[in-house]
Amino acid sequence: MNLNKTLITLTICVNTVFTGSASAHTLGAHSAGFVEGLAHPFVGLDHLLAMVADWSVGCVTWGAGALADATAFITVLAGAAGLALFGLELPLVEAMIAASVLVLGSMVAGSVRVSGWASMLAVSLFALFHGYAHGLDMPQAAMPWAYATGFILATAMLHGLGINLWLILSRFHSLPRIGGQRLP
């Protein structure tokens, strides 16, 4: 089994296991604030996988300009959290979160290249559902705006880390495929 098929199979298995609760979209404790928000993207498997897939797609589509996808994702994520906090109803949230990991992960594993605008539209659509799920959690937090600041900052840090990692690895032309994508 080659790397692409292995990654696709792993993505499908993870989504199958976590689709019911999309990993970490319940705070549990009612004392959540900035630190819990900051930690969430790193401990929520669905969020972490979506971020890795998002910056991977962004880097392959935009190259050094991957900041466009990251900015779109973070902006829509924050806006959607606010919409949920203020009571907007959005259907199929958990299914779309699972689909985001599956679709973006499959794009990376299958070396699918799309236009920059198509990439930005796809990551924005998925960010809508990720952000909405976070917004549903916010009223449970002791300090909802501190929690939101934490998860938005952590999401930005994950994107920055990923984009910088891609830029570093892209300098090594002799490396074989990484994450399904041939580096330039």
C-alpha atoms as a PDB file:
ATOM      1  CA  MET A   1       0.000   0.000   0.000  1.00  0.00           C
ATOM      2  CA  ASN A   2       1.501   3.337  -0.997  1.00  0.00           C
ATOM      3  CA  LEU A   3       1.644   6.435   1.196  1.00  0.00           C
ATOM      4  CA  ASN A   4      -1.364   8.129  -0.441  1.00  0.00           C
ATOM      5  CA  LYS A   5      -3.645   5.137   0.115  1.00  0.00           C
ATOM      6  CA  THR A   6      -2.378   4.776   3.672  1.00  0.00           C
ATOM      7  CA  LEU A   7      -3.131   8.430   4.463  1.00  0.00           C
ATOM      8  CA  ILE A   8      -6.595   8.228   2.906  1.00  0.00           C
ATOM      9  CA  THR A   9      -7.370   5.038   4.829  1.00  0.00           C
ATOM     10  CA  LEU A  10      -6.135   6.576   8.076  1.00  0.00           C
ATOM     11  CA  THR A  11      -8.230   9.695   7.480  1.00  0.00           C
ATOM     12  CA  ILE A  12     -11.353   7.633   6.845  1.00  0.00           C
ATOM     13  CA  CYS A  13     -10.739   5.533   9.976  1.00  0.00           C
ATOM     14  CA  VAL A  14     -10.204   8.607  12.164  1.00  0.00           C
ATOM     15  CA  ASN A  15     -13.359  10.206  10.786  1.00  0.00           C
ATOM     16  CA  THR A  16     -15.350   7.054  11.355  1.00  0.00           C
ATOM     17  CA  VAL A  17     -14.266   6.885  14.983  1.00  0.00           C
ATOM     18  CA  PHE A  18     -14.752  10.589  15.749  1.00  0.00           C
ATOM     19  CA  THR A  19     -17.742  11.596  13.599  1.00  0.00           C
ATOM     20  CA  GLY A  20     -20.224  11.261  16.459  1.00  0.00           C
ATOM     21  CA  SER A  21     -18.627  13.906  18.620  1.00  0.00           C
ATOM     22  CA  ALA A  22     -16.077  15.471  16.267  1.00  0.00           C
ATOM     23  CA  SER A  23     -13.445  14.929  18.910  1.00  0.00           C
ATOM     24  CA  ALA A  24     -13.403  17.875  21.284  1.00  0.00           C
ATOM     25  CA  HIS A  25     -16.484  19.994  20.876  1.00  0.00           C
ATOM     26  CA  THR A  26     -17.629  19.856  24.424  1.00  0.00           C
ATOM     27  CA  LEU A  27     -15.716  21.719  27.058  1.00  0.00           C
ATOM     28  CA  GLY A  28     -16.717  19.481  29.927  1.00  0.00           C
ATOM     29  CA  ALA A  29     -15.584  21.829  32.673  1.00  0.00           C
ATOM     30  CA  HIS A  30     -17.382  25.126  33.069  1.00  0.00           C
ATOM     31  CA  SER A  31     -14.198  26.939  33.997  1.00  0.00           C
ATOM     32  CA  ALA A  32     -12.731  27.190  30.513  1.00  0.00           C
ATOM     33  CA  GLY A  33     -10.911  30.352  29.577  1.00  0.00           C
ATOM     34  CA  PHE A  34      -7.899  31.447  27.534  1.00  0.00           C
ATOM     35  CA  VAL A  35      -5.643  28.480  28.372  1.00  0.00           C
ATOM     36  CA  GLU A  36      -8.329  25.904  27.510  1.00  0.00           C
ATOM     37  CA  GLY A  37      -9.065  27.742  24.263  1.00  0.00           C
ATOM     38  CA  LEU A  38      -5.368  27.864  23.454  1.00  0.00           C
ATOM     39  CA  ALA A  39      -5.037  24.121  24.128  1.00  0.00           C
ATOM     40  CA  HIS A  40      -8.146  23.025  22.230  1.00  0.00           C
ATOM     41  CA  PRO A  41      -6.737  22.999  18.668  1.00  0.00           C
ATOM     42  CA  PHE A  42      -3.781  20.933  19.850  1.00  0.00           C
ATOM     43  CA  VAL A  43      -5.816  18.324  21.732  1.00  0.00           C
ATOM     44  CA  GLY A  44      -8.909  18.196  19.509  1.00  0.00           C
ATOM     45  CA  LEU A  45      -7.917  15.566  16.937  1.00  0.00           C
ATOM     46  CA  ASP A  46     -10.429  16.757  14.348  1.00  0.00           C
ATOM     47  CA  HIS A  47      -9.207  20.342  14.677  1.00  0.00           C
ATOM     48  CA  LEU A  48      -5.551  19.359  14.489  1.00  0.00           C
ATOM     49  CA  LEU A  49      -6.096  17.162  11.423  1.00  0.00           C
ATOM     50  CA  ALA A  50      -8.132  19.866   9.699  1.00  0.00           C
ATOM     51  CA  MET A  51      -5.413  22.462  10.375  1.00  0.00           C
ATOM     52  CA  VAL A  52      -2.660  20.229   9.006  1.00  0.00           C
ATOM     53  CA  ALA A  53      -4.731  19.443   5.913  1.00  0.00           C
ATOM     54  CA  ASP A  54      -5.668  23.113   5.488  1.00  0.00           C
ATOM     55  CA  TRP A  55      -2.137  24.491   5.553  1.00  0.00           C
ATOM     56  CA  SER A  56      -0.960  21.605   3.359  1.00  0.00           C
ATOM     57  CA  VAL A  57      -3.575  22.395   0.718  1.00  0.00           C
ATOM     58  CA  GLY A  58      -2.806  26.101   1.068  1.00  0.00           C
ATOM     59  CA  CYS A  59       0.933  25.596   0.646  1.00  0.00           C
ATOM     60  CA  VAL A  60       0.549  23.391  -2.401  1.00  0.00           C
ATOM     61  CA  THR A  61      -2.023  25.706  -3.981  1.00  0.00           C
ATOM     62  CA  TRP A  62      -0.479  29.055  -3.112  1.00  0.00           C
ATOM     63  CA  GLY A  63       3.153  28.158  -2.313  1.00  0.00           C
ATOM     64  CA  ALA A  64       4.676  30.909  -0.229  1.00  0.00           C
ATOM     65  CA  GLY A  65       1.345  32.756  -0.488  1.00  0.00           C
ATOM     66  CA  ALA A  66      -0.414  30.123   1.643  1.00  0.00           C
ATOM     67  CA  LEU A  67      -1.194  32.900   4.062  1.00  0.00           C
ATOM     68  CA  ALA A  68      -4.309  33.608   1.950  1.00  0.00           C
ATOM     69  CA  ASP A  69      -5.884  30.245   2.890  1.00  0.00           C
ATOM     70  CA  ALA A  70      -4.793  30.599   6.503  1.00  0.00           C
ATOM     71  CA  THR A  71      -6.217  34.105   6.764  1.00  0.00           C
ATOM     72  CA  ALA A  72      -9.509  33.005   5.201  1.00  0.00           C
ATOM     73  CA  PHE A  73      -9.781  30.044   7.561  1.00  0.00           C
ATOM     74  CA  ILE A  74      -9.038  32.056  10.707  1.00  0.00           C
ATOM     75  CA  THR A  75     -11.343  34.933   9.713  1.00  0.00           C
ATOM     76  CA  VAL A  76     -14.292  32.652   8.931  1.00  0.00           C
ATOM     77  CA  LEU A  77     -13.583  30.546  12.040  1.00  0.00           C
ATOM     78  CA  ALA A  78     -13.811  33.628  14.271  1.00  0.00           C
ATOM     79  CA  GLY A  79     -16.908  34.982  12.522  1.00  0.00           C
ATOM     80  CA  ALA A  80     -18.719  31.642  12.663  1.00  0.00           C
ATOM     81  CA  ALA A  81     -17.976  31.304  16.382  1.00  0.00           C
ATOM     82  CA  GLY A  82     -19.654  34.668  16.872  1.00  0.00           C
ATOM     83  CA  LEU A  83     -22.671  33.603  14.796  1.00  0.00           C
ATOM     84  CA  ALA A  84     -23.133  30.503  16.941  1.00  0.00           C
ATOM     85  CA  LEU A  85     -22.717  32.485  20.120  1.00  0.00           C
ATOM     86  CA  PHE A  86     -25.520  34.786  19.012  1.00  0.00           C
ATOM     87  CA  GLY A  87     -27.902  31.924  18.180  1.00  0.00           C
ATOM     88  CA  LEU A  88     -27.668  31.248  14.458  1.00  0.00           C
ATOM     89  CA  GLU A  89     -28.771  27.683  13.618  1.00  0.00           C
ATOM     90  CA  LEU A  90     -26.441  25.740  11.308  1.00  0.00           C
ATOM     91  CA  PRO A  91     -27.246  22.134  10.315  1.00  0.00           C
ATOM     92  CA  LEU A  92     -24.865  19.190   9.856  1.00  0.00           C
ATOM     93  CA  VAL A  93     -22.073  20.722  11.927  1.00  0.00           C
ATOM     94  CA  GLU A  94     -20.386  17.530  13.116  1.00  0.00           C
ATOM     95  CA  ALA A  95     -20.768  15.842   9.722  1.00  0.00           C
ATOM     96  CA  MET A  96     -19.173  18.828   7.966  1.00  0.00           C
ATOM     97  CA  ILE A  97     -16.308  18.876  10.453  1.00  0.00           C
ATOM     98  CA  ALA A  98     -15.672  15.214   9.698  1.00  0.00           C
ATOM     99  CA  ALA A  99     -16.035  15.926   5.968  1.00  0.00           C
ATOM    100  CA  SER A 100     -13.465  18.729   6.228  1.00  0.00           C
ATOM    101  CA  VAL A 101     -10.815  16.348   7.500  1.00  0.00           C
ATOM    102  CA  LEU A 102     -11.760  13.733   4.912  1.00  0.00           C
ATOM    103  CA  VAL A 103     -11.925  16.103   1.923  1.00  0.00           C
ATOM    104  CA  LEU A 104      -8.867  18.221   2.741  1.00  0.00           C
ATOM    105  CA  GLY A 105      -6.892  15.142   3.833  1.00  0.00           C
ATOM    106  CA  SER A 106      -7.816  13.338   0.623  1.00  0.00           C
ATOM    107  CA  MET A 107      -6.754  16.368  -1.412  1.00  0.00           C
ATOM    108  CA  VAL A 108      -3.350  16.264   0.251  1.00  0.00           C
ATOM    109  CA  ALA A 109      -2.996  12.485   0.009  1.00  0.00           C
ATOM    110  CA  GLY A 110      -4.172  12.422  -3.595  1.00  0.00           C
ATOM    111  CA  SER A 111      -1.994  15.359  -4.692  1.00  0.00           C
ATOM    112  CA  VAL A 112      -5.112  17.223  -5.850  1.00  0.00           C
ATOM    113  CA  ARG A 113      -4.309  20.729  -6.958  1.00  0.00           C
ATOM    114  CA  VAL A 114      -7.022  23.345  -7.277  1.00  0.00           C
ATOM    115  CA  SER A 115      -7.038  27.049  -8.046  1.00  0.00           C
ATOM    116  CA  GLY A 116      -6.263  29.454  -5.252  1.00  0.00           C
ATOM    117  CA  TRP A 117      -9.838  30.697  -5.136  1.00  0.00           C
ATOM    118  CA  ALA A 118     -11.271  27.166  -5.023  1.00  0.00           C
ATOM    119  CA  SER A 119      -8.897  26.317  -2.201  1.00  0.00           C
ATOM    120  CA  MET A 120      -9.865  29.446  -0.261  1.00  0.00           C
ATOM    121  CA  LEU A 121     -13.569  28.722  -0.799  1.00  0.00           C
ATOM    122  CA  ALA A 122     -13.202  25.129   0.429  1.00  0.00           C
ATOM    123  CA  VAL A 123     -11.253  26.017   3.560  1.00  0.00           C
ATOM    124  CA  SER A 124     -13.659  28.876   4.295  1.00  0.00           C
ATOM    125  CA  LEU A 125     -16.647  26.550   4.037  1.00  0.00           C
ATOM    126  CA  PHE A 126     -15.071  24.090   6.453  1.00  0.00           C
ATOM    127  CA  ALA A 127     -13.943  26.901   8.772  1.00  0.00           C
ATOM    128  CA  LEU A 128     -17.584  27.962   9.005  1.00  0.00           C
ATOM    129  CA  PHE A 129     -18.471  24.646  10.634  1.00  0.00           C
ATOM    130  CA  HIS A 130     -15.364  24.442  12.832  1.00  0.00           C
ATOM    131  CA  GLY A 131     -15.912  27.975  14.083  1.00  0.00           C
ATOM    132  CA  TYR A 132     -19.615  27.365  14.655  1.00  0.00           C
ATOM    133  CA  ALA A 133     -18.832  24.311  16.812  1.00  0.00           C
ATOM    134  CA  HIS A 134     -16.442  26.429  18.873  1.00  0.00           C
ATOM    135  CA  GLY A 135     -19.071  29.136  19.192  1.00  0.00           C
ATOM    136  CA  LEU A 136     -21.539  26.596  20.577  1.00  0.00           C
ATOM    137  CA  ASP A 137     -18.974  25.773  23.272  1.00  0.00           C
ATOM    138  CA  MET A 138     -18.306  29.376  24.212  1.00  0.00           C
ATOM    139  CA  PRO A 139     -21.407  29.987  26.397  1.00  0.00           C
ATOM    140  CA  GLN A 140     -20.337  26.999  28.523  1.00  0.00           C
ATOM    141  CA  ALA A 141     -16.964  28.612  29.197  1.00  0.00           C
ATOM    142  CA  ALA A 142     -16.434  30.690  32.304  1.00  0.00           C
ATOM    143  CA  MET A 143     -14.741  33.311  30.127  1.00  0.00           C
ATOM    144  CA  PRO A 144     -16.137  32.841  26.586  1.00  0.00           C
ATOM    145  CA  TRP A 145     -14.186  35.659  24.923  1.00  0.00           C
ATOM    146  CA  ALA A 146     -10.941  34.539  26.534  1.00  0.00           C
ATOM    147  CA  TYR A 147     -11.643  30.990  25.302  1.00  0.00           C
ATOM    148  CA  ALA A 148     -12.332  32.345  21.781  1.00  0.00           C
ATOM    149  CA  THR A 149      -9.130  34.392  21.825  1.00  0.00           C
ATOM    150  CA  GLY A 150      -7.209  31.267  22.842  1.00  0.00           C
ATOM    151  CA  PHE A 151      -8.554  28.981  20.122  1.00  0.00           C
ATOM    152  CA  ILE A 152      -8.191  31.633  17.425  1.00  0.00           C
ATOM    153  CA  LEU A 153      -4.603  32.368  18.477  1.00  0.00           C
ATOM    154  CA  ALA A 154      -3.776  28.636  18.594  1.00  0.00           C
ATOM    155  CA  THR A 155      -5.323  28.133  15.150  1.00  0.00           C
ATOM    156  CA  ALA A 156      -3.179  30.986  13.786  1.00  0.00           C
ATOM    157  CA  MET A 157      -0.098  29.478  15.447  1.00  0.00           C
ATOM    158  CA  LEU A 158      -0.807  26.058  13.893  1.00  0.00           C
ATOM    159  CA  HIS A 159      -1.153  27.617  10.460  1.00  0.00           C
ATOM    160  CA  GLY A 160       2.015  29.654  10.913  1.00  0.00           C
ATOM    161  CA  LEU A 161       3.927  26.617  12.112  1.00  0.00           C
ATOM    162  CA  GLY A 162       2.705  24.536   9.186  1.00  0.00           C
ATOM    163  CA  ILE A 163       3.431  27.149   6.550  1.00  0.00           C
ATOM    164  CA  ASN A 164       6.929  27.725   7.937  1.00  0.00           C
ATOM    165  CA  LEU A 165       7.564  23.978   8.071  1.00  0.00           C
ATOM    166  CA  TRP A 166       6.496  23.697   4.429  1.00  0.00           C
ATOM    167  CA  LEU A 167       8.767  26.590   3.439  1.00  0.00           C
ATOM    168  CA  ILE A 168      11.720  24.956   5.221  1.00  0.00           C
ATOM    169  CA  LEU A 169      11.066  21.520   3.724  1.00  0.00           C
ATOM    170  CA  SER A 170      10.543  22.959   0.238  1.00  0.00           C
ATOM    171  CA  ARG A 171      14.219  23.933   0.220  1.00  0.00           C
ATOM    172  CA  PHE A 172      15.217  20.259   0.232  1.00  0.00           C
ATOM    173  CA  HIS A 173      14.524  19.254  -3.366  1.00  0.00           C
ATOM    174  CA  SER A 174      15.869  15.759  -2.848  1.00  0.00           C
ATOM    175  CA  LEU A 175      13.126  14.868  -0.344  1.00  0.00           C
ATOM    176  CA  PRO A 176      10.544  12.479  -1.681  1.00  0.00           C
ATOM    177  CA  ARG A 177       6.835  13.183  -1.300  1.00  0.00           C
ATOM    178  CA  ILE A 178       5.714  14.596   2.022  1.00  0.00           C
ATOM    179  CA  GLY A 179       2.049  14.276   2.899  1.00  0.00           C
ATOM    180  CA  GLY A 180       1.201  13.245  -0.643  1.00  0.00           C
ATOM    181  CA  GLN A 181       2.623  16.416  -2.197  1.00  0.00           C
ATOM    182  CA  ARG A 182       5.791  16.799  -4.182  1.00  0.00           C
ATOM    183  CA  LEU A 183       7.720  19.727  -2.859  1.00  0.00           C
ATOM    184  CA  PRO A 184       8.936  22.246  -5.438  1.00  0.00           C
END
